[in-house]
Each structure stands twice: as C-alpha cells, then as structure tokens.
C-alpha cells in the first residue's frame, strides 16, 4: 500500500491550493491532483506498465488538466462568473485552520480513492484485461460527454447569457457534464473489479466511486436551486425541467432539490 500512500501525498501537495481559497480544495485542486496522480503513476509504475494502465494514466492527465485548467481560467479570468458566485460561495476567510486541514485531507483522500482502481492494478501486479478495456471505453465516453457539454454550454451562453441552456446534450439531460463525470469514474471503478484484492481495496474503491457520485448529485442540487431562482418564472424553463431528466438520460428523475442530504 506504499503506492497508495505516495499518491495520497501527491494529492495533498496539489490540492493544497485550497489554502489560498478554500473552495479550490474541491475544484482546481481536484483537477490538478488527478492529473498529477496520472503522471506519478506513469513514473512510479514504469517497470510494470501495460497498454491499459498507460491509457488509464493518460485519461487521468487529460481529465485533470481539462478540469483544472477550465476551473482556473474561470476563477482567475471570468469576472462575470466571480460576480455571480460571490454571494453563493463563501470566501472561507473566517474558517479555522483546523477546518481547512480537515477539508484538505478528506478531499485528497477522496481523489486517491477515486483513482485507486488503477493504483491497485500496479500494487497487485495486474496488467490489461477485458474488463479494464471495457472500463476505459466507458471512461473515454464520459470524458468526451463532459467536454462537449462544457463547450456547448459556453457557446450557448455567448449567444444568450441570460437564458438557460437546453441545446445539444442539454436536450437529453439537464446536467450532461455531471453525467459525463459519473461515466468517467464508473469506467474506472468497473475496470478494476477483477483485481481488487481484499476488503480494504474494495472499500477504498467504493468510497471513491460512491463519493464522487454523491458529489455530482450534490452539485446538481445546487445548480437546480440556483436555476430555479433565476429562471423559475419562465414557462419554457418550467416545461424543460419537468420533461428532461436532471442527471441520467432516460431515467425519470427530474428534481433533487428536496433531497437536503445532498449537501456536497
């Protein structure tokens, strides 16, 4: 488990940007931590790399750089975003150092647990098998979906920044970027099912997978509440939200606002 602990250290280093602004623990720090873990695994496991593990690490790098870069640009360059979110996201200036450290450590641990299916492949000396290939295909589709969704949303907002987005992938599901994220980590978890050795590895992988799914649904709830405040009086928006699933295409779940336990 030394490799697991080493990757935890990597995640701690890269997610420490949150000490500048606490929300970065779970945003910019998240993306760059995953990318850094991908690089670190390629280096640490270079003597036992297989085609599947190399590709998985490349996916981590691509996923993390895309997410971290996008969030960093939005935070540092988008005045409209910062103005809009100023009253919705607490600055964290009054947060104690103990609380910040608790968020930092728990977030870094989650990131390592998310990537643990690939870490455990190296730990257990496993190469590439059929289920890993299936998982990598799912993860690739997920990465494409969330990337396309972000591009479509940005394009739609440039045309009409005051209107909700219901074009492209948003016609199928209201949070296609969150759906793509869940697909990405579903693929990673599935790809490791055949190699988890013992209860601790299963627990770590499950914590990572269930944890990110919970975070995504929590994010969807926050977005729904925010959009209801902004567009709730628009009849087109009301029709859209009552006919388009919020998180998973074809699954008739149209709202998560009432689920107050989704506080991620």
Protein backbone atom coordinates (compact mmCIF):
# COMPACT_ATOMS: atom_id res chain seq x y z
CA UNK A 1 0.00 0.00 0.00
CA UNK A 2 3.04 2.29 -0.17
CA UNK A 3 1.99 3.35 -3.66
CA UNK A 4 -1.46 4.33 -2.37
CA UNK A 5 0.15 6.46 0.36
CA UNK A 6 2.54 8.01 -2.16
CA UNK A 7 -0.39 9.03 -4.36
CA UNK A 8 -2.11 10.47 -1.29
CA UNK A 9 0.94 12.64 -0.75
CA UNK A 10 0.76 13.78 -4.38
CA UNK A 11 -2.92 14.68 -3.97
CA UNK A 12 -2.17 16.56 -0.75
CA UNK A 13 0.51 18.63 -2.48
CA UNK A 14 -1.59 19.60 -5.49
CA UNK A 15 -4.85 20.16 -3.62
CA UNK A 16 -3.09 22.45 -1.14
CA UNK A 17 -4.00 25.37 -3.45
CA UNK A 18 -7.17 25.38 -1.38
CA UNK A 19 -5.33 27.21 1.38
CA UNK A 20 -5.42 30.21 -0.97
CA UNK A 21 -9.18 29.90 -1.41
CA UNK A 22 -10.86 27.01 0.36
CA UNK A 23 -13.24 26.09 -2.48
CA UNK A 24 -10.15 25.31 -4.56
CA UNK A 25 -9.62 22.21 -2.41
CA UNK A 26 -12.53 20.63 -4.30
CA UNK A 27 -12.27 22.39 -7.66
CA UNK A 28 -8.92 23.45 -9.09
CA UNK A 29 -7.06 21.26 -6.59
CA UNK A 30 -9.24 18.31 -7.60
CA UNK A 31 -8.44 18.53 -11.29
CA UNK A 32 -4.71 19.04 -10.89
CA UNK A 33 -4.48 16.33 -8.21
CA UNK A 34 -5.97 13.75 -10.59
CA UNK A 35 -3.64 14.86 -13.39
CA UNK A 36 -0.63 14.69 -11.06
CA UNK A 37 -1.60 11.21 -9.90
CA UNK A 38 -1.70 10.12 -13.55
CA UNK A 39 1.84 11.44 -14.10
CA UNK A 40 3.11 9.99 -10.81
CA UNK A 41 1.73 6.54 -11.62
CA UNK A 42 3.45 6.54 -15.01
CA UNK A 43 6.74 7.30 -13.27
CA UNK A 44 6.36 5.09 -10.18
CA UNK A 45 4.98 2.12 -12.12
CA UNK A 46 7.14 2.46 -15.23
CA UNK A 47 8.55 -1.07 -14.88
CA UNK A 48 5.12 -2.72 -15.00
CA UNK A 49 3.19 -0.57 -17.41
CA UNK A 50 0.74 -2.19 -19.80
CA UNK A 51 -1.26 -0.67 -22.64
CA UNK A 52 -4.32 -0.42 -20.40
CA UNK A 53 -2.60 1.19 -17.43
CA UNK A 54 -0.77 3.67 -19.66
CA UNK A 55 -4.05 4.69 -21.26
CA UNK A 56 -5.75 4.95 -17.84
CA UNK A 57 -3.00 7.29 -16.64
CA UNK A 58 -3.30 9.35 -19.82
CA UNK A 59 -7.03 9.64 -19.15
CA UNK A 60 -6.29 10.90 -15.63
CA UNK A 61 -3.94 13.50 -17.05
CA UNK A 62 -6.36 14.62 -19.77
CA UNK A 63 -9.29 14.68 -17.36
CA UNK A 64 -7.39 16.58 -14.66
CA UNK A 65 -5.79 19.17 -16.94
CA UNK A 66 -9.09 19.84 -18.70
CA UNK A 67 -10.98 20.27 -15.45
CA UNK A 68 -8.28 22.09 -13.51
CA UNK A 69 -7.45 24.38 -16.43
CA UNK A 70 -11.09 25.20 -17.10
CA UNK A 71 -11.80 25.97 -13.44
CA UNK A 72 -8.62 28.01 -13.03
CA UNK A 73 -9.46 30.08 -16.10
CA UNK A 74 -13.00 30.64 -14.87
CA UNK A 75 -11.84 31.63 -11.40
CA UNK A 76 -8.99 33.89 -12.49
CA UNK A 77 -10.29 35.39 -15.71
CA UNK A 78 -14.09 35.38 -15.67
CA UNK A 79 -15.30 38.49 -13.84
CA UNK A 80 -18.93 37.67 -14.67
CA UNK A 81 -18.65 34.26 -13.00
CA UNK A 82 -16.98 35.65 -9.91
CA UNK A 83 -19.57 38.38 -9.63
CA UNK A 84 -22.41 35.89 -9.97
CA UNK A 85 -20.97 33.41 -7.47
CA UNK A 86 -19.74 35.96 -4.92
CA UNK A 87 -22.86 35.64 -2.79
CA UNK A 88 -23.28 31.89 -3.33
CA UNK A 89 -19.84 30.61 -2.34
CA UNK A 90 -18.41 31.62 1.00
CA UNK A 91 -14.91 33.07 0.94
CA UNK A 92 -13.75 30.88 3.82
CA UNK A 93 -11.83 33.76 5.39
CA UNK A 94 -13.40 33.03 8.77
CA UNK A 95 -12.78 29.28 8.55
CA UNK A 96 -10.36 27.91 11.11
CA UNK A 97 -7.12 26.27 10.03
CA UNK A 98 -8.31 23.01 11.61
CA UNK A 99 -11.42 23.03 9.40
CA UNK A 100 -9.36 23.84 6.31
CA UNK A 101 -6.96 20.99 7.08
CA UNK A 102 -9.88 18.59 7.55
CA UNK A 103 -11.28 19.52 4.12
CA UNK A 104 -7.82 19.31 2.55
CA UNK A 105 -7.06 15.83 3.89
CA UNK A 106 -10.53 14.37 3.25
CA UNK A 107 -10.60 15.79 -0.29
CA UNK A 108 -7.14 14.42 -1.11
CA UNK A 109 -8.15 11.02 0.28
CA UNK A 110 -11.25 11.02 -1.92
CA UNK A 111 -9.16 11.76 -5.01
CA UNK A 112 -6.83 8.86 -4.27
CA UNK A 113 -9.78 6.55 -3.65
CA UNK A 114 -11.29 7.61 -6.99
CA UNK A 115 -8.08 6.72 -8.79
CA UNK A 116 -7.44 3.64 -6.64
CA UNK A 117 -8.70 1.08 -9.21
CA UNK A 118 -5.68 1.97 -11.34
CA UNK A 119 -3.36 2.31 -8.34
CA UNK A 120 -4.34 -1.19 -7.21
CA UNK A 121 -3.51 -2.57 -10.66
CA UNK A 122 0.07 -1.52 -10.06
CA UNK A 123 0.01 -2.67 -6.43
CA UNK A 124 -1.32 -6.11 -7.39
CA UNK A 125 0.87 -6.50 -10.46
CA UNK A 126 -2.12 -6.74 -12.79
CA UNK A 127 -1.88 -5.89 -16.45
CA UNK A 128 -4.58 -5.28 -19.01
CA UNK A 129 -7.66 -7.48 -19.08
CA UNK A 130 -11.01 -7.37 -20.88
CA UNK A 131 -12.85 -5.60 -18.07
CA UNK A 132 -10.23 -2.87 -17.92
CA UNK A 133 -10.72 -2.29 -21.64
CA UNK A 134 -14.49 -2.03 -21.13
CA UNK A 135 -13.96 0.39 -18.25
CA UNK A 136 -11.57 2.55 -20.26
CA UNK A 137 -14.10 2.78 -23.10
CA UNK A 138 -16.76 3.94 -20.62
CA UNK A 139 -14.35 6.48 -19.12
CA UNK A 140 -13.40 7.79 -22.56
CA UNK A 141 -17.05 8.30 -23.46
CA UNK A 142 -17.58 10.08 -20.15
CA UNK A 143 -14.67 12.44 -20.77
CA UNK A 144 -15.98 13.23 -24.25
CA UNK A 145 -19.50 13.86 -22.94
CA UNK A 146 -18.44 16.28 -20.22
CA UNK A 147 -16.04 18.10 -22.55
CA UNK A 148 -18.68 18.51 -25.25
CA UNK A 149 -21.25 19.61 -22.66
CA UNK A 150 -18.96 22.34 -21.34
CA UNK A 151 -18.22 23.57 -24.86
CA UNK A 152 -21.91 23.60 -25.78
CA UNK A 153 -22.82 25.49 -22.62
CA UNK A 154 -20.15 28.11 -23.20
CA UNK A 155 -21.28 28.56 -26.81
CA UNK A 156 -24.93 28.89 -25.79
CA UNK A 157 -24.12 31.42 -23.06
CA UNK A 158 -22.18 33.55 -25.54
CA UNK A 159 -25.29 33.73 -27.73
CA UNK A 160 -27.72 34.42 -24.89
CA UNK A 161 -26.13 34.71 -21.43
CA UNK A 162 -29.48 35.34 -19.73
CA UNK A 163 -31.16 32.14 -20.91
CA UNK A 164 -30.88 28.62 -19.52
CA UNK A 165 -29.18 26.08 -21.80
CA UNK A 166 -31.37 23.44 -23.43
CA UNK A 167 -29.48 22.77 -26.65
CA UNK A 168 -27.12 19.97 -27.68
CA UNK A 169 -26.62 17.39 -24.95
CA UNK A 170 -28.73 19.55 -22.64
CA UNK A 171 -31.77 18.45 -24.65
CA UNK A 172 -31.24 14.93 -23.34
CA UNK A 173 -30.24 15.60 -19.73
CA UNK A 174 -30.02 18.83 -17.73
CA UNK A 175 -26.55 18.15 -16.29
CA UNK A 176 -24.67 16.33 -19.07
CA UNK A 177 -21.31 17.46 -17.69
CA UNK A 178 -22.06 15.83 -14.32
CA UNK A 179 -23.37 12.75 -16.13
CA UNK A 180 -20.13 12.57 -18.11
CA UNK A 181 -18.15 12.86 -14.90
CA UNK A 182 -20.04 9.95 -13.37
CA UNK A 183 -19.47 7.91 -16.53
CA UNK A 184 -15.75 8.62 -16.33
CA UNK A 185 -15.43 7.32 -12.76
CA UNK A 186 -17.87 4.47 -13.39
CA UNK A 187 -15.49 3.24 -16.07
CA UNK A 188 -12.53 3.46 -13.71
CA UNK A 189 -14.35 1.54 -10.97
CA UNK A 190 -15.66 -1.14 -13.34
CA UNK A 191 -12.21 -1.56 -14.87
CA UNK A 192 -10.82 -2.61 -11.50
CA UNK A 193 -13.48 -5.10 -10.41
CA UNK A 194 -11.42 -8.14 -11.38
CA UNK A 195 -8.28 -7.06 -9.49
CA UNK A 196 -9.41 -5.74 -6.10
CA UNK A 197 -7.57 -7.84 -3.52
CA UNK A 198 -9.21 -7.97 -0.13
CA UNK A 199 -11.78 -5.80 1.67
CA UNK A 200 -9.54 -2.74 2.08
CA UNK A 201 -9.10 -2.33 -1.65
CA UNK A 202 -12.82 -2.81 -2.24
CA UNK A 203 -13.64 -0.27 0.47
CA UNK A 204 -11.24 2.31 -0.95
CA UNK A 205 -12.58 1.89 -4.49
CA UNK A 206 -16.19 2.06 -3.30
CA UNK A 207 -15.52 5.17 -1.21
CA UNK A 208 -14.05 6.86 -4.26
CA UNK A 209 -16.88 5.86 -6.59
CA UNK A 210 -19.80 6.46 -4.24
CA UNK A 211 -18.16 9.65 -3.03
CA UNK A 212 -17.91 11.23 -6.47
CA UNK A 213 -21.45 10.17 -7.41
CA UNK A 214 -22.68 11.83 -4.21
CA UNK A 215 -20.70 14.98 -5.03
CA UNK A 216 -22.17 15.10 -8.53
CA UNK A 217 -25.74 14.81 -7.28
CA UNK A 218 -24.97 17.46 -4.68
CA UNK A 219 -23.67 19.72 -7.44
CA UNK A 220 -26.80 19.07 -9.49
CA UNK A 221 -28.94 20.06 -6.50
CA UNK A 222 -27.05 23.34 -6.04
CA UNK A 223 -27.37 24.08 -9.74
CA UNK A 224 -31.09 23.29 -9.72
CA UNK A 225 -31.71 25.62 -6.78
CA UNK A 226 -29.73 28.39 -8.47
CA UNK A 227 -31.51 27.95 -11.80
CA UNK A 228 -34.93 27.85 -10.18
CA UNK A 229 -34.19 31.25 -8.66
CA UNK A 230 -33.01 32.64 -11.98
CA UNK A 231 -35.50 31.10 -14.41
CA UNK A 232 -38.33 29.75 -12.27
CA UNK A 233 -40.92 32.17 -13.70
CA UNK A 234 -40.08 31.28 -17.30
CA UNK A 235 -42.72 28.85 -18.68
CA UNK A 236 -40.21 27.41 -21.16
CA UNK A 237 -37.85 26.64 -18.29
CA UNK A 238 -40.65 25.05 -16.25
CA UNK A 239 -41.55 22.85 -19.22
CA UNK A 240 -37.89 21.96 -19.74
CA UNK A 241 -37.27 20.86 -16.15
CA UNK A 242 -40.43 18.76 -15.98
CA UNK A 243 -39.65 16.83 -19.17
CA UNK A 244 -35.84 16.50 -19.13
CA UNK A 245 -34.09 14.26 -16.56
CA UNK A 246 -31.68 16.13 -14.32
CA UNK A 247 -28.78 13.67 -14.17
CA UNK A 248 -29.12 10.45 -16.16
CA UNK A 249 -30.68 10.23 -19.64
CA UNK A 250 -33.95 8.27 -19.83
CA UNK A 251 -34.14 7.95 -16.03
CA UNK A 252 -37.25 9.93 -14.96
CA UNK A 253 -35.64 11.80 -12.08
CA UNK A 254 -36.48 15.44 -12.72
CA UNK A 255 -35.55 17.13 -9.46
CA UNK A 256 -33.22 16.62 -6.49
CA UNK A 257 -33.91 19.93 -4.77
CA UNK A 258 -35.92 18.34 -1.97
CA UNK A 259 -33.11 15.98 -1.01
CA UNK A 260 -31.45 18.15 1.62
CA UNK A 261 -28.93 15.43 2.49
CA UNK A 262 -27.22 16.18 -0.83
CA UNK A 263 -25.08 18.90 0.66
CA UNK A 264 -21.79 18.24 -1.17
